[in-house]
């Protein structure tokens, strides 16, 4: 528990996530729960399973950080389709609902929520969200969905980190990038959203 002077405790906070996309379990939650109450390098391990909603995850993590005051935080997530453990150097998931609402005034939009798999597909409606997915992106499932539904084009809001399809889709693509990191797609048009 926190000390009166606000000092960090000899504690490791290990977080996973609740299920999403219609699943009944999230592998990250299962993994971190195996460490609950154990010691790691002489430190007590505290486990927390976080919500996956953009508007709930960060406040939940902040509350736990205030109470536990750990020396180290290890956040674990599930990456659908991965066969091995992968460490993300940078993990950015952005709630781009504001940008989508602006576009909706000019077009009939379909929302495809995904990361390494398509989780939900539905016509745009207000209010928008909460979104499902985030992290470990594979761009191919969205283009497969776009082809199957005969979309006329795709506007893909992304941080640009992920696996691109081997073959470019046969439809117009606008990549709406949420940061200035290099982006490797050699097809489609790219716009960079102001941060």
C-alpha atoms as a PDB file:
ATOM      1  CA  UNK A   1       0.000   0.000   0.000  1.00  0.00           C
ATOM      2  CA  UNK A   2       1.159   3.578  -0.532  1.00  0.00           C
ATOM      3  CA  UNK A   3       3.349   5.213   2.049  1.00  0.00           C
ATOM      4  CA  UNK A   4       2.354   8.499   3.584  1.00  0.00           C
ATOM      5  CA  UNK A   5       5.263  10.321   1.890  1.00  0.00           C
ATOM      6  CA  UNK A   6       4.210   9.162  -1.599  1.00  0.00           C
ATOM      7  CA  UNK A   7       7.312   6.976  -2.068  1.00  0.00           C
ATOM      8  CA  UNK A   8       7.136   4.086  -4.459  1.00  0.00           C
ATOM      9  CA  UNK A   9       6.614   0.664  -2.890  1.00  0.00           C
ATOM     10  CA  UNK A  10       8.641  -2.447  -3.641  1.00  0.00           C
ATOM     11  CA  UNK A  11       5.901  -3.553  -5.986  1.00  0.00           C
ATOM     12  CA  UNK A  12       5.529  -4.571  -9.624  1.00  0.00           C
ATOM     13  CA  UNK A  13       2.191  -3.765 -11.258  1.00  0.00           C
ATOM     14  CA  UNK A  14       1.269  -6.251 -13.969  1.00  0.00           C
ATOM     15  CA  UNK A  15      -1.788  -5.410 -16.113  1.00  0.00           C
ATOM     16  CA  UNK A  16      -3.833  -7.314 -18.683  1.00  0.00           C
ATOM     17  CA  UNK A  17      -7.124  -6.545 -20.404  1.00  0.00           C
ATOM     18  CA  UNK A  18     -10.688  -7.763 -20.212  1.00  0.00           C
ATOM     19  CA  UNK A  19     -12.199  -9.673 -23.176  1.00  0.00           C
ATOM     20  CA  UNK A  20     -13.295  -7.763 -26.283  1.00  0.00           C
ATOM     21  CA  UNK A  21     -14.801  -8.419 -29.690  1.00  0.00           C
ATOM     22  CA  UNK A  22     -17.323 -10.970 -28.431  1.00  0.00           C
ATOM     23  CA  UNK A  23     -14.649 -13.168 -26.846  1.00  0.00           C
ATOM     24  CA  UNK A  24     -15.207 -14.624 -23.371  1.00  0.00           C
ATOM     25  CA  UNK A  25     -11.581 -14.439 -22.287  1.00  0.00           C
ATOM     26  CA  UNK A  26      -8.515 -12.310 -22.974  1.00  0.00           C
ATOM     27  CA  UNK A  27      -5.208 -14.191 -22.915  1.00  0.00           C
ATOM     28  CA  UNK A  28      -3.458 -11.192 -21.349  1.00  0.00           C
ATOM     29  CA  UNK A  29      -5.725 -11.374 -18.287  1.00  0.00           C
ATOM     30  CA  UNK A  30      -5.140 -15.108 -17.960  1.00  0.00           C
ATOM     31  CA  UNK A  31      -1.379 -14.622 -18.201  1.00  0.00           C
ATOM     32  CA  UNK A  32      -1.074 -11.848 -15.625  1.00  0.00           C
ATOM     33  CA  UNK A  33      -3.393 -13.538 -13.134  1.00  0.00           C
ATOM     34  CA  UNK A  34      -0.914 -16.407 -12.821  1.00  0.00           C
ATOM     35  CA  UNK A  35       1.461 -13.926 -11.109  1.00  0.00           C
ATOM     36  CA  UNK A  36      -1.026 -12.522  -8.577  1.00  0.00           C
ATOM     37  CA  UNK A  37       0.435 -12.457  -5.067  1.00  0.00           C
ATOM     38  CA  UNK A  38       3.844 -13.761  -6.170  1.00  0.00           C
ATOM     39  CA  UNK A  39       7.251 -12.190  -5.719  1.00  0.00           C
ATOM     40  CA  UNK A  40       9.363 -10.968  -8.651  1.00  0.00           C
ATOM     41  CA  UNK A  41      12.976  -9.983  -7.936  1.00  0.00           C
ATOM     42  CA  UNK A  42      12.045  -9.427  -4.287  1.00  0.00           C
ATOM     43  CA  UNK A  43       9.054  -7.272  -5.180  1.00  0.00           C
ATOM     44  CA  UNK A  44       5.393  -8.017  -4.567  1.00  0.00           C
ATOM     45  CA  UNK A  45       3.404  -8.496  -7.778  1.00  0.00           C
ATOM     46  CA  UNK A  46       0.031  -6.761  -7.996  1.00  0.00           C
ATOM     47  CA  UNK A  47      -2.233  -7.736 -10.887  1.00  0.00           C
ATOM     48  CA  UNK A  48      -4.953  -5.573 -12.443  1.00  0.00           C
ATOM     49  CA  UNK A  49      -7.232  -6.407 -15.379  1.00  0.00           C
ATOM     50  CA  UNK A  50      -8.107  -3.192 -17.223  1.00  0.00           C
ATOM     51  CA  UNK A  51     -11.155  -2.369 -19.359  1.00  0.00           C
ATOM     52  CA  UNK A  52     -10.620  -2.147 -23.129  1.00  0.00           C
ATOM     53  CA  UNK A  53     -12.735   0.973 -23.699  1.00  0.00           C
ATOM     54  CA  UNK A  54     -10.645   4.032 -24.609  1.00  0.00           C
ATOM     55  CA  UNK A  55     -12.510   6.201 -22.113  1.00  0.00           C
ATOM     56  CA  UNK A  56     -12.099   3.721 -19.229  1.00  0.00           C
ATOM     57  CA  UNK A  57      -8.650   2.092 -19.580  1.00  0.00           C
ATOM     58  CA  UNK A  58      -6.400   5.056 -18.786  1.00  0.00           C
ATOM     59  CA  UNK A  59      -8.462   6.318 -15.818  1.00  0.00           C
ATOM     60  CA  UNK A  60      -8.510   2.762 -14.398  1.00  0.00           C
ATOM     61  CA  UNK A  61      -4.737   2.472 -14.773  1.00  0.00           C
ATOM     62  CA  UNK A  62      -4.227   5.904 -13.187  1.00  0.00           C
ATOM     63  CA  UNK A  63      -6.328   4.876 -10.155  1.00  0.00           C
ATOM     64  CA  UNK A  64      -4.264   1.709  -9.654  1.00  0.00           C
ATOM     65  CA  UNK A  65      -0.996   3.631 -10.021  1.00  0.00           C
ATOM     66  CA  UNK A  66      -2.100   6.082  -7.300  1.00  0.00           C
ATOM     67  CA  UNK A  67      -2.967   3.262  -4.894  1.00  0.00           C
ATOM     68  CA  UNK A  68      -0.139   0.800  -5.594  1.00  0.00           C
ATOM     69  CA  UNK A  69       2.704   3.268  -6.413  1.00  0.00           C
ATOM     70  CA  UNK A  70       4.791   0.545  -8.099  1.00  0.00           C
ATOM     71  CA  UNK A  71       8.495   0.647  -8.936  1.00  0.00           C
ATOM     72  CA  UNK A  72       7.779  -1.049 -12.252  1.00  0.00           C
ATOM     73  CA  UNK A  73       4.698  -1.333 -14.465  1.00  0.00           C
ATOM     74  CA  UNK A  74       4.385  -4.069 -17.085  1.00  0.00           C
ATOM     75  CA  UNK A  75       1.326  -3.796 -19.326  1.00  0.00           C
ATOM     76  CA  UNK A  76       0.435  -6.926 -21.275  1.00  0.00           C
ATOM     77  CA  UNK A  77      -2.014  -7.110 -24.160  1.00  0.00           C
ATOM     78  CA  UNK A  78      -3.394  -9.756 -26.456  1.00  0.00           C
ATOM     79  CA  UNK A  79      -2.240  -9.729 -30.074  1.00  0.00           C
ATOM     80  CA  UNK A  80      -4.564 -11.890 -32.138  1.00  0.00           C
ATOM     81  CA  UNK A  81      -2.766 -14.106 -34.613  1.00  0.00           C
ATOM     82  CA  UNK A  82       0.626 -13.903 -32.898  1.00  0.00           C
ATOM     83  CA  UNK A  83       2.326 -17.232 -32.292  1.00  0.00           C
ATOM     84  CA  UNK A  84       4.952 -15.868 -29.905  1.00  0.00           C
ATOM     85  CA  UNK A  85       5.502 -13.138 -27.340  1.00  0.00           C
ATOM     86  CA  UNK A  86       6.354  -9.797 -28.941  1.00  0.00           C
ATOM     87  CA  UNK A  87       7.569  -6.671 -27.164  1.00  0.00           C
ATOM     88  CA  UNK A  88       6.182  -3.403 -28.518  1.00  0.00           C
ATOM     89  CA  UNK A  89       8.761  -0.633 -28.420  1.00  0.00           C
ATOM     90  CA  UNK A  90       5.996   1.950 -28.776  1.00  0.00           C
ATOM     91  CA  UNK A  91       2.306   1.209 -28.304  1.00  0.00           C
ATOM     92  CA  UNK A  92      -0.089   3.929 -29.406  1.00  0.00           C
ATOM     93  CA  UNK A  93      -3.835   3.483 -29.665  1.00  0.00           C
ATOM     94  CA  UNK A  94      -5.746   6.586 -30.589  1.00  0.00           C
ATOM     95  CA  UNK A  95      -9.463   7.308 -30.265  1.00  0.00           C
ATOM     96  CA  UNK A  96     -10.090   9.029 -33.605  1.00  0.00           C
ATOM     97  CA  UNK A  97     -13.861   9.447 -33.218  1.00  0.00           C
ATOM     98  CA  UNK A  98     -13.680  13.239 -33.691  1.00  0.00           C
ATOM     99  CA  UNK A  99     -12.128  12.862 -37.181  1.00  0.00           C
ATOM    100  CA  UNK A 100     -14.662  10.240 -38.250  1.00  0.00           C
ATOM    101  CA  UNK A 101     -17.582  12.461 -37.204  1.00  0.00           C
ATOM    102  CA  UNK A 102     -16.295  15.262 -39.459  1.00  0.00           C
ATOM    103  CA  UNK A 103     -16.148  12.912 -42.460  1.00  0.00           C
ATOM    104  CA  UNK A 104     -19.602  11.480 -41.781  1.00  0.00           C
ATOM    105  CA  UNK A 105     -21.262  14.745 -42.757  1.00  0.00           C
ATOM    106  CA  UNK A 106     -20.111  14.183 -46.359  1.00  0.00           C
ATOM    107  CA  UNK A 107     -20.386  10.445 -46.987  1.00  0.00           C
ATOM    108  CA  UNK A 108     -22.110   7.223 -46.044  1.00  0.00           C
ATOM    109  CA  UNK A 109     -19.552   5.574 -43.765  1.00  0.00           C
ATOM    110  CA  UNK A 110     -19.134   2.045 -42.471  1.00  0.00           C
ATOM    111  CA  UNK A 111     -16.997   1.543 -39.376  1.00  0.00           C
ATOM    112  CA  UNK A 112     -14.689  -1.506 -39.307  1.00  0.00           C
ATOM    113  CA  UNK A 113     -13.082  -2.034 -35.879  1.00  0.00           C
ATOM    114  CA  UNK A 114      -9.928  -4.101 -35.967  1.00  0.00           C
ATOM    115  CA  UNK A 115      -6.387  -4.758 -34.855  1.00  0.00           C
ATOM    116  CA  UNK A 116      -5.055  -8.085 -36.145  1.00  0.00           C
ATOM    117  CA  UNK A 117      -8.644  -9.204 -36.892  1.00  0.00           C
ATOM    118  CA  UNK A 118     -11.948  -7.550 -37.742  1.00  0.00           C
ATOM    119  CA  UNK A 119     -14.054  -7.339 -34.568  1.00  0.00           C
ATOM    120  CA  UNK A 120     -17.146  -5.365 -35.614  1.00  0.00           C
ATOM    121  CA  UNK A 121     -18.570  -3.825 -38.793  1.00  0.00           C
ATOM    122  CA  UNK A 122     -21.498  -1.389 -38.691  1.00  0.00           C
ATOM    123  CA  UNK A 123     -22.847   1.762 -40.353  1.00  0.00           C
ATOM    124  CA  UNK A 124     -21.651   5.007 -38.853  1.00  0.00           C
ATOM    125  CA  UNK A 125     -24.027   6.466 -36.279  1.00  0.00           C
ATOM    126  CA  UNK A 126     -23.712   9.007 -33.512  1.00  0.00           C
ATOM    127  CA  UNK A 127     -22.616   8.603 -30.787  1.00  0.00           C
ATOM    128  CA  UNK A 128     -19.549   6.730 -31.923  1.00  0.00           C
ATOM    129  CA  UNK A 129     -17.652   4.218 -29.776  1.00  0.00           C
ATOM    130  CA  UNK A 130     -16.485   2.598 -27.668  1.00  0.00           C
ATOM    131  CA  UNK A 131     -14.069   1.046 -30.163  1.00  0.00           C
ATOM    132  CA  UNK A 132     -12.830  -2.526 -30.098  1.00  0.00           C
ATOM    133  CA  UNK A 133      -9.267  -3.394 -31.003  1.00  0.00           C
ATOM    134  CA  UNK A 134      -6.070  -1.504 -30.697  1.00  0.00           C
ATOM    135  CA  UNK A 135      -2.485  -2.545 -30.975  1.00  0.00           C
ATOM    136  CA  UNK A 136      -0.726  -5.183 -33.074  1.00  0.00           C
ATOM    137  CA  UNK A 137      -2.456  -4.085 -36.277  1.00  0.00           C
ATOM    138  CA  UNK A 138      -2.697  -6.232 -39.373  1.00  0.00           C
ATOM    139  CA  UNK A 139      -4.148  -4.025 -42.118  1.00  0.00           C
ATOM    140  CA  UNK A 140      -5.191  -6.926 -44.391  1.00  0.00           C
ATOM    141  CA  UNK A 141      -8.478  -7.872 -42.619  1.00  0.00           C
ATOM    142  CA  UNK A 142      -9.990  -4.436 -43.231  1.00  0.00           C
ATOM    143  CA  UNK A 143      -9.213  -4.608 -46.937  1.00  0.00           C
ATOM    144  CA  UNK A 144     -10.673  -8.116 -47.094  1.00  0.00           C
ATOM    145  CA  UNK A 145     -13.835  -6.773 -45.450  1.00  0.00           C
ATOM    146  CA  UNK A 146     -13.885  -3.795 -47.840  1.00  0.00           C
ATOM    147  CA  UNK A 147     -13.640  -6.098 -50.855  1.00  0.00           C
ATOM    148  CA  UNK A 148     -16.346  -8.465 -49.562  1.00  0.00           C
ATOM    149  CA  UNK A 149     -18.736  -5.567 -48.888  1.00  0.00           C
ATOM    150  CA  UNK A 150     -17.855  -3.794 -52.155  1.00  0.00           C
ATOM    151  CA  UNK A 151     -16.751  -0.573 -50.494  1.00  0.00           C
ATOM    152  CA  UNK A 152     -15.866   2.238 -52.879  1.00  0.00           C
ATOM    153  CA  UNK A 153     -12.814   3.226 -50.842  1.00  0.00           C
ATOM    154  CA  UNK A 154     -11.206   3.069 -47.416  1.00  0.00           C
ATOM    155  CA  UNK A 155     -10.175   5.852 -45.056  1.00  0.00           C
ATOM    156  CA  UNK A 156      -7.918   4.120 -42.531  1.00  0.00           C
ATOM    157  CA  UNK A 157      -7.295   5.997 -39.248  1.00  0.00           C
ATOM    158  CA  UNK A 158      -4.105   4.482 -37.840  1.00  0.00           C
ATOM    159  CA  UNK A 159      -0.789   5.106 -36.168  1.00  0.00           C
ATOM    160  CA  UNK A 160       0.697   3.378 -39.231  1.00  0.00           C
ATOM    161  CA  UNK A 161       2.307   0.576 -37.293  1.00  0.00           C
ATOM    162  CA  UNK A 162       1.317  -2.849 -38.510  1.00  0.00           C
ATOM    163  CA  UNK A 163       1.519  -5.449 -41.226  1.00  0.00           C
ATOM    164  CA  UNK A 164       0.528  -4.302 -44.724  1.00  0.00           C
ATOM    165  CA  UNK A 165      -1.180  -6.646 -47.198  1.00  0.00           C
ATOM    166  CA  UNK A 166       1.178  -8.326 -49.677  1.00  0.00           C
ATOM    167  CA  UNK A 167      -0.947  -7.025 -52.569  1.00  0.00           C
ATOM    168  CA  UNK A 168      -2.454  -3.504 -52.579  1.00  0.00           C
ATOM    169  CA  UNK A 169      -6.271  -3.466 -52.632  1.00  0.00           C
ATOM    170  CA  UNK A 170      -8.068  -2.591 -55.855  1.00  0.00           C
ATOM    171  CA  UNK A 171      -9.801   0.468 -54.376  1.00  0.00           C
ATOM    172  CA  UNK A 172      -8.786   3.976 -53.311  1.00  0.00           C
ATOM    173  CA  UNK A 173      -7.164   4.192 -49.874  1.00  0.00           C
ATOM    174  CA  UNK A 174      -6.576   7.265 -47.742  1.00  0.00           C
ATOM    175  CA  UNK A 175      -4.222   6.634 -44.825  1.00  0.00           C
ATOM    176  CA  UNK A 176      -5.055   9.115 -42.027  1.00  0.00           C
ATOM    177  CA  UNK A 177      -1.951   8.881 -39.846  1.00  0.00           C
ATOM    178  CA  UNK A 178      -2.024  10.008 -36.239  1.00  0.00           C
ATOM    179  CA  UNK A 179       1.711  10.776 -35.924  1.00  0.00           C
ATOM    180  CA  UNK A 180       4.849  11.615 -37.919  1.00  0.00           C
ATOM    181  CA  UNK A 181       6.717   8.291 -37.813  1.00  0.00           C
ATOM    182  CA  UNK A 182       7.794   6.822 -41.181  1.00  0.00           C
ATOM    183  CA  UNK A 183       5.023   4.932 -42.979  1.00  0.00           C
ATOM    184  CA  UNK A 184       5.953   2.131 -45.373  1.00  0.00           C
ATOM    185  CA  UNK A 185       2.886   1.791 -47.622  1.00  0.00           C
ATOM    186  CA  UNK A 186       3.819   2.543 -51.225  1.00  0.00           C
ATOM    187  CA  UNK A 187       0.178   2.803 -52.301  1.00  0.00           C
ATOM    188  CA  UNK A 188      -2.769   4.968 -51.350  1.00  0.00           C
ATOM    189  CA  UNK A 189      -2.707   8.616 -50.326  1.00  0.00           C
ATOM    190  CA  UNK A 190      -1.352   9.713 -46.948  1.00  0.00           C
ATOM    191  CA  UNK A 191      -2.484  12.579 -44.741  1.00  0.00           C
ATOM    192  CA  UNK A 192      -1.028  13.277 -41.339  1.00  0.00           C
ATOM    193  CA  UNK A 193      -3.506  14.450 -38.717  1.00  0.00           C
ATOM    194  CA  UNK A 194      -2.424  17.267 -36.419  1.00  0.00           C
ATOM    195  CA  UNK A 195      -1.723  16.060 -32.892  1.00  0.00           C
END
